[in-house]
PDB file of N, CA and C in Angstrom:
ATOM      1  N   MET A   1      97.986 105.150  78.019  1.00  0.00           N
ATOM      2  CA  MET A   1      97.350 106.482  77.647  1.00  0.00           C
ATOM      3  C   MET A   1      98.389 107.209  77.218  1.00  0.00           C
ATOM      4  N   PHE A   2      99.114 108.086  78.396  1.00  0.00           N
ATOM      5  CA  PHE A   2      99.928 109.009  78.080  1.00  0.00           C
ATOM      6  C   PHE A   2     101.700 108.652  78.265  1.00  0.00           C
ATOM      7  N   ASP A   3     102.208 109.180  77.234  1.00  0.00           N
ATOM      8  CA  ASP A   3     103.731 109.262  76.812  1.00  0.00           C
ATOM      9  C   ASP A   3     104.220 109.843  78.273  1.00  0.00           C
ATOM     10  N   SER A   4     105.395 109.357  78.963  1.00  0.00           N
ATOM     11  CA  SER A   4     105.979 109.945  80.082  1.00  0.00           C
ATOM     12  C   SER A   4     106.993 110.439  79.747  1.00  0.00           C
ATOM     13  N   TYR A   5     107.365 111.682  80.060  1.00  0.00           N
ATOM     14  CA  TYR A   5     108.954 111.919  79.959  1.00  0.00           C
ATOM     15  C   TYR A   5     109.558 112.295  81.118  1.00  0.00           C
ATOM     16  N   PRO A   6     111.104 112.363  81.132  1.00  0.00           N
ATOM     17  CA  PRO A   6     111.612 112.164  82.447  1.00  0.00           C
ATOM     18  C   PRO A   6     112.072 113.613  82.411  1.00  0.00           C
ATOM     19  N   MET A   7     112.217 114.196  83.577  1.00  0.00           N
ATOM     20  CA  MET A   7     112.637 115.417  83.733  1.00  0.00           C
ATOM     21  C   MET A   7     113.886 116.048  83.480  1.00  0.00           C
ATOM     22  N   THR A   8     114.566 114.974  83.689  1.00  0.00           N
ATOM     23  CA  THR A   8     116.403 115.258  83.506  1.00  0.00           C
ATOM     24  C   THR A   8     116.665 114.155  82.754  1.00  0.00           C
ATOM     25  N   GLN A   9     117.941 114.731  82.243  1.00  0.00           N
ATOM     26  CA  GLN A   9     118.548 113.425  81.380  1.00  0.00           C
ATOM     27  C   GLN A   9     118.798 112.133  82.085  1.00  0.00           C
ATOM     28  N   THR A  10     118.524 111.015  81.241  1.00  0.00           N
ATOM     29  CA  THR A  10     118.526 109.429  81.834  1.00  0.00           C
ATOM     30  C   THR A  10     119.945 109.013  81.264  1.00  0.00           C
ATOM     31  N   ASP A  11     120.244 107.904  82.037  1.00  0.00           N
ATOM     32  CA  ASP A  11     121.025 107.121  81.555  1.00  0.00           C
ATOM     33  C   ASP A  11     120.728 105.698  80.564  1.00  0.00           C
ATOM     34  N   ARG A  12     121.301 104.787  79.896  1.00  0.00           N
ATOM     35  CA  ARG A  12     120.967 104.286  79.090  1.00  0.00           C
ATOM     36  C   ARG A  12     121.888 102.896  79.561  1.00  0.00           C
ATOM     37  N   PHE A  13     121.679 101.853  80.089  1.00  0.00           N
ATOM     38  CA  PHE A  13     122.740 100.507  80.748  1.00  0.00           C
ATOM     39  C   PHE A  13     121.687  99.156  80.404  1.00  0.00           C
ATOM     40  N   ARG A  14     122.313  98.222  80.380  1.00  0.00           N
ATOM     41  CA  ARG A  14     122.199  97.077  80.719  1.00  0.00           C
ATOM     42  C   ARG A  14     122.324  96.125  81.972  1.00  0.00           C
ATOM     43  N   VAL A  15     121.261  95.933  82.130  1.00  0.00           N
ATOM     44  CA  VAL A  15     120.959  95.041  83.460  1.00  0.00           C
ATOM     45  C   VAL A  15     121.275  93.638  83.880  1.00  0.00           C
ATOM     46  N   ASN A  16     122.032  93.199  84.585  1.00  0.00           N
ATOM     47  CA  ASN A  16     122.455  91.579  84.342  1.00  0.00           C
ATOM     48  C   ASN A  16     122.305  90.877  85.557  1.00  0.00           C
ATOM     49  N   TYR A  17     120.798  90.378  85.312  1.00  0.00           N
ATOM     50  CA  TYR A  17     120.391  89.304  86.337  1.00  0.00           C
ATOM     51  C   TYR A  17     120.865  88.205  86.920  1.00  0.00           C
ATOM     52  N   CYS A  18     121.727  87.505  85.885  1.00  0.00           N
ATOM     53  CA  CYS A  18     122.400  86.482  86.119  1.00  0.00           C
ATOM     54  C   CYS A  18     122.915  85.768  87.398  1.00  0.00           C
ATOM     55  N   ASN A  19     123.351  86.761  87.754  1.00  0.00           N
ATOM     56  CA  ASN A  19     124.056  85.990  89.426  1.00  0.00           C
ATOM     57  C   ASN A  19     123.116  86.802  90.604  1.00  0.00           C
ATOM     58  N   GLU A  20     121.769  86.695  90.412  1.00  0.00           N
ATOM     59  CA  GLU A  20     121.315  87.273  91.607  1.00  0.00           C
ATOM     60  C   GLU A  20     120.744  86.086  92.320  1.00  0.00           C
ATOM     61  N   LYS A  21     120.109  85.845  93.323  1.00  0.00           N
ATOM     62  CA  LYS A  21     120.117  84.999  94.261  1.00  0.00           C
ATOM     63  C   LYS A  21     118.997  83.812  93.560  1.00  0.00           C
ATOM     64  N   ILE A  22     118.019  84.687  93.384  1.00  0.00           N
ATOM     65  CA  ILE A  22     116.837  83.846  92.907  1.00  0.00           C
ATOM     66  C   ILE A  22     117.529  83.381  91.725  1.00  0.00           C
ATOM     67  N   PHE A  23     118.037  83.275  90.759  1.00  0.00           N
ATOM     68  CA  PHE A  23     118.532  82.476  89.663  1.00  0.00           C
ATOM     69  C   PHE A  23     119.518  81.283  89.601  1.00  0.00           C
ATOM     70  N   VAL A  24     120.427  81.851  91.030  1.00  0.00           N
ATOM     71  CA  VAL A  24     121.603  81.083  91.289  1.00  0.00           C
ATOM     72  C   VAL A  24     121.535  79.680  92.937  1.00  0.00           C
ATOM     73  N   ASP A  25     120.562  80.153  93.367  1.00  0.00           N
ATOM     74  CA  ASP A  25     120.791  79.878  95.022  1.00  0.00           C
ATOM     75  C   ASP A  25     119.084  78.934  95.248  1.00  0.00           C
ATOM     76  N   ASP A  26     119.411  77.650  94.779  1.00  0.00           N
ATOM     77  CA  ASP A  26     117.721  77.203  95.011  1.00  0.00           C
ATOM     78  C   ASP A  26     116.882  76.804  96.469  1.00  0.00           C
ATOM     79  N   ASN A  27     117.709  76.896  97.498  1.00  0.00           N
ATOM     80  CA  ASN A  27     117.352  76.892  98.830  1.00  0.00           C
ATOM     81  C   ASN A  27     116.785  78.806  99.019  1.00  0.00           C
ATOM     82  N   PHE A  28     117.522  79.517  98.088  1.00  0.00           N
ATOM     83  CA  PHE A  28     116.793  80.873  98.072  1.00  0.00           C
ATOM     84  C   PHE A  28     115.531  80.700  97.524  1.00  0.00           C
ATOM     85  N   ARG A  29     115.294  80.281  96.207  1.00  0.00           N
ATOM     86  CA  ARG A  29     114.281  80.255  95.662  1.00  0.00           C
ATOM     87  C   ARG A  29     113.632  79.770  95.788  1.00  0.00           C
ATOM     88  N   LYS A  30     113.626  78.906  96.597  1.00  0.00           N
ATOM     89  CA  LYS A  30     112.237  77.728  97.183  1.00  0.00           C
ATOM     90  C   LYS A  30     111.965  78.701  98.373  1.00  0.00           C
ATOM     91  N   ASP A  31     112.618  79.375  99.325  1.00  0.00           N
ATOM     92  CA  ASP A  31     111.838  79.898 100.250  1.00  0.00           C
ATOM     93  C   ASP A  31     111.372  81.340  99.730  1.00  0.00           C
ATOM     94  N   PHE A  32     111.875  81.506  98.738  1.00  0.00           N
ATOM     95  CA  PHE A  32     111.323  82.913  98.170  1.00  0.00           C
ATOM     96  C   PHE A  32     109.542  82.919  97.645  1.00  0.00           C
ATOM     97  N   MET A  33     109.876  81.919  96.640  1.00  0.00           N
ATOM     98  CA  MET A  33     108.426  81.217  96.217  1.00  0.00           C
ATOM     99  C   MET A  33     107.523  80.753  97.111  1.00  0.00           C
ATOM    100  N   ASN A  34     107.976  80.065  98.184  1.00  0.00           N
ATOM    101  CA  ASN A  34     106.889  79.785  99.321  1.00  0.00           C
ATOM    102  C   ASN A  34     106.382  80.976  99.937  1.00  0.00           C
ATOM    103  N   LYS A  35     107.330  82.070 100.649  1.00  0.00           N
ATOM    104  CA  LYS A  35     106.760  83.208 101.200  1.00  0.00           C
ATOM    105  C   LYS A  35     105.622  84.005 100.184  1.00  0.00           C
ATOM    106  N   VAL A  36     106.237  83.849  98.723  1.00  0.00           N
ATOM    107  CA  VAL A  36     105.121  84.538  97.974  1.00  0.00           C
ATOM    108  C   VAL A  36     104.127  83.756  98.156  1.00  0.00           C
ATOM    109  N   ALA A  37     103.577  82.581  97.900  1.00  0.00           N
ATOM    110  CA  ALA A  37     102.386  81.781  98.064  1.00  0.00           C
ATOM    111  C   ALA A  37     101.967  82.166  99.522  1.00  0.00           C
ATOM    112  N   GLU A  38     102.175  82.353 100.308  1.00  0.00           N
ATOM    113  CA  GLU A  38     101.911  82.319 101.856  1.00  0.00           C
ATOM    114  C   GLU A  38     101.306  83.621 101.516  1.00  0.00           C
ATOM    115  N   ILE A  39     101.928  84.932 101.200  1.00  0.00           N
ATOM    116  CA  ILE A  39     101.543  86.049 101.378  1.00  0.00           C
ATOM    117  C   ILE A  39     100.076  85.847 100.138  1.00  0.00           C
ATOM    118  N   GLY A  40      99.853  85.245  99.313  1.00  0.00           N
ATOM    119  CA  GLY A  40      99.145  85.317  98.241  1.00  0.00           C
ATOM    120  C   GLY A  40      97.706  84.632  99.063  1.00  0.00           C
ATOM    121  N   VAL A  41      98.011  83.488  99.353  1.00  0.00           N
ATOM    122  CA  VAL A  41      97.163  83.240 100.227  1.00  0.00           C
ATOM    123  C   VAL A  41      96.140  83.672 101.362  1.00  0.00           C
ATOM    124  N   ALA A  42      96.882  84.517 102.104  1.00  0.00           N
ATOM    125  CA  ALA A  42      96.792  85.301 103.107  1.00  0.00           C
ATOM    126  C   ALA A  42      95.624  86.455 102.799  1.00  0.00           C
ATOM    127  N   ILE A  43      95.982  86.960 101.687  1.00  0.00           N
ATOM    128  CA  ILE A  43      95.231  88.008 101.127  1.00  0.00           C
ATOM    129  C   ILE A  43      94.359  87.668 100.455  1.00  0.00           C
ATOM    130  N   GLU A  44      94.288  86.471  99.539  1.00  0.00           N
ATOM    131  CA  GLU A  44      92.897  85.817  98.934  1.00  0.00           C
ATOM    132  C   GLU A  44      92.071  85.096 100.254  1.00  0.00           C
ATOM    133  N   ASN A  45      92.749  84.683 101.367  1.00  0.00           N
ATOM    134  CA  ASN A  45      91.688  84.460 102.759  1.00  0.00           C
ATOM    135  C   ASN A  45      90.645  85.925 102.960  1.00  0.00           C
ATOM    136  N   HIS A  46      91.585  86.705 103.310  1.00  0.00           N
ATOM    137  CA  HIS A  46      91.126  88.113 103.789  1.00  0.00           C
ATOM    138  C   HIS A  46      89.983  88.484 103.220  1.00  0.00           C
ATOM    139  N   TYR A  47      90.389  88.454 101.732  1.00  0.00           N
ATOM    140  CA  TYR A  47      89.204  89.233 100.913  1.00  0.00           C
ATOM    141  C   TYR A  47      88.267  88.053 100.395  1.00  0.00           C
ATOM    142  N   ASN A  48      88.355  86.673 100.614  1.00  0.00           N
ATOM    143  CA  ASN A  48      87.422  85.612 100.549  1.00  0.00           C
ATOM    144  C   ASN A  48      87.084  85.598  98.856  1.00  0.00           C
ATOM    145  N   GLU A  49      88.165  85.809  98.321  1.00  0.00           N
ATOM    146  CA  GLU A  49      87.987  85.766  96.589  1.00  0.00           C
ATOM    147  C   GLU A  49      89.508  85.779  95.988  1.00  0.00           C
ATOM    148  N   ALA A  50      89.379  85.166  94.860  1.00  0.00           N
ATOM    149  CA  ALA A  50      90.541  85.781  94.066  1.00  0.00           C
ATOM    150  C   ALA A  50      91.111  87.099  93.631  1.00  0.00           C
ATOM    151  N   GLN A  51      92.444  87.304  93.985  1.00  0.00           N
ATOM    152  CA  GLN A  51      93.271  88.428  93.526  1.00  0.00           C
ATOM    153  C   GLN A  51      94.374  88.514  92.808  1.00  0.00           C
ATOM    154  N   ASP A  52      94.473  89.640  92.197  1.00  0.00           N
ATOM    155  CA  ASP A  52      95.392  89.992  90.876  1.00  0.00           C
ATOM    156  C   ASP A  52      96.127  90.827  92.380  1.00  0.00           C
ATOM    157  N   ILE A  53      97.451  90.242  92.615  1.00  0.00           N
ATOM    158  CA  ILE A  53      98.241  91.162  93.746  1.00  0.00           C
ATOM    159  C   ILE A  53      99.637  91.380  93.162  1.00  0.00           C
ATOM    160  N   GLU A  54     100.006  92.633  93.332  1.00  0.00           N
ATOM    161  CA  GLU A  54     101.317  93.267  92.927  1.00  0.00           C
ATOM    162  C   GLU A  54     102.247  93.451  94.090  1.00  0.00           C
ATOM    163  N   GLY A  55     103.472  93.307  94.032  1.00  0.00           N
ATOM    164  CA  GLY A  55     104.286  93.361  95.010  1.00  0.00           C
ATOM    165  C   GLY A  55     105.585  93.470  94.260  1.00  0.00           C
ATOM    166  N   CYS A  56     106.796  93.576  95.500  1.00  0.00           N
ATOM    167  CA  CYS A  56     107.979  93.733  95.548  1.00  0.00           C
ATOM    168  C   CYS A  56     108.792  93.016  96.391  1.00  0.00           C
ATOM    169  N   TYR A  57     110.043  92.833  96.333  1.00  0.00           N
ATOM    170  CA  TYR A  57     110.672  92.311  97.320  1.00  0.00           C
ATOM    171  C   TYR A  57     112.061  92.936  97.507  1.00  0.00           C
ATOM    172  N   TYR A  58     112.391  93.681  98.459  1.00  0.00           N
ATOM    173  CA  TYR A  58     113.486  94.455  98.361  1.00  0.00           C
ATOM    174  C   TYR A  58     114.055  94.568  99.927  1.00  0.00           C
ATOM    175  N   ASP A  59     115.641  94.465  99.928  1.00  0.00           N
ATOM    176  CA  ASP A  59     116.253  94.663 101.145  1.00  0.00           C
ATOM    177  C   ASP A  59     115.541  93.406 102.040  1.00  0.00           C
ATOM    178  N   GLY A  60     115.421  91.803 101.555  1.00  0.00           N
ATOM    179  CA  GLY A  60     115.104  90.888 102.364  1.00  0.00           C
ATOM    180  C   GLY A  60     113.673  91.254 102.744  1.00  0.00           C
ATOM    181  N   LYS A  61     112.632  91.829 102.325  1.00  0.00           N
ATOM    182  CA  LYS A  61     111.339  92.052 102.856  1.00  0.00           C
ATOM    183  C   LYS A  61     110.731  92.266 101.300  1.00  0.00           C
ATOM    184  N   PHE A  62     109.396  91.656 101.723  1.00  0.00           N
ATOM    185  CA  PHE A  62     107.842  91.591 101.026  1.00  0.00           C
ATOM    186  C   PHE A  62     107.268  92.773 101.037  1.00  0.00           C
ATOM    187  N   TYR A  63     107.181  93.581  99.905  1.00  0.00           N
ATOM    188  CA  TYR A  63     105.734  94.698 100.277  1.00  0.00           C
ATOM    189  C   TYR A  63     104.987  94.081  99.246  1.00  0.00           C
ATOM    190  N   VAL A  64     103.671  94.252  99.713  1.00  0.00           N
ATOM    191  CA  VAL A  64     102.166  94.211  98.919  1.00  0.00           C
ATOM    192  C   VAL A  64     101.967  95.744  98.325  1.00  0.00           C
ATOM    193  N   VAL A  65     102.122  96.125  97.055  1.00  0.00           N
ATOM    194  CA  VAL A  65     102.039  97.376  96.415  1.00  0.00           C
ATOM    195  C   VAL A  65     100.223  97.543  96.423  1.00  0.00           C
ATOM    196  N   GLN A  66      99.557  96.595  95.683  1.00  0.00           N
ATOM    197  CA  GLN A  66      98.393  96.644  95.379  1.00  0.00           C
ATOM    198  C   GLN A  66      97.615  95.274  95.167  1.00  0.00           C
ATOM    199  N   THR A  67      96.285  94.865  95.335  1.00  0.00           N
ATOM    200  CA  THR A  67      95.757  93.981  95.465  1.00  0.00           C
ATOM    201  C   THR A  67      94.179  94.310  94.795  1.00  0.00           C
ATOM    202  N   ARG A  68      93.220  93.510  94.030  1.00  0.00           N
ATOM    203  CA  ARG A  68      92.378  93.985  93.576  1.00  0.00           C
ATOM    204  C   ARG A  68      91.587  92.829  92.902  1.00  0.00           C
ATOM    205  N   PRO A  69      90.501  92.161  93.129  1.00  0.00           N
ATOM    206  CA  PRO A  69      89.722  91.466  92.699  1.00  0.00           C
ATOM    207  C   PRO A  69      89.989  90.697  90.950  1.00  0.00           C
ATOM    208  N   GLN A  70      90.090  89.515  91.122  1.00  0.00           N
ATOM    209  CA  GLN A  70      90.529  88.789  89.750  1.00  0.00           C
ATOM    210  C   GLN A  70      89.461  88.732  89.011  1.00  0.00           C
ATOM    211  N   VAL A  71      89.515  89.569  87.386  1.00  0.00           N
ATOM    212  CA  VAL A  71      88.354  88.826  86.692  1.00  0.00           C
ATOM    213  C   VAL A  71      88.888  88.147  85.326  1.00  0.00           C
TER     214      VAL A  71
END
């Protein structure tokens, strides 16, 4: 809808994720995805319907930031 403009000067740089655990550690990836699935099932069971769930993972913890009925 609207353009966003930063209040201060920004820096541009490339982010390289190729060495992140999610890409290089099979056990971490399996555990991570199992936890994502567990969270999703718990939320959908709570609301008794399919959900569009948004979240993030930071410092070893999962955070659900939004959920709404899936249409």
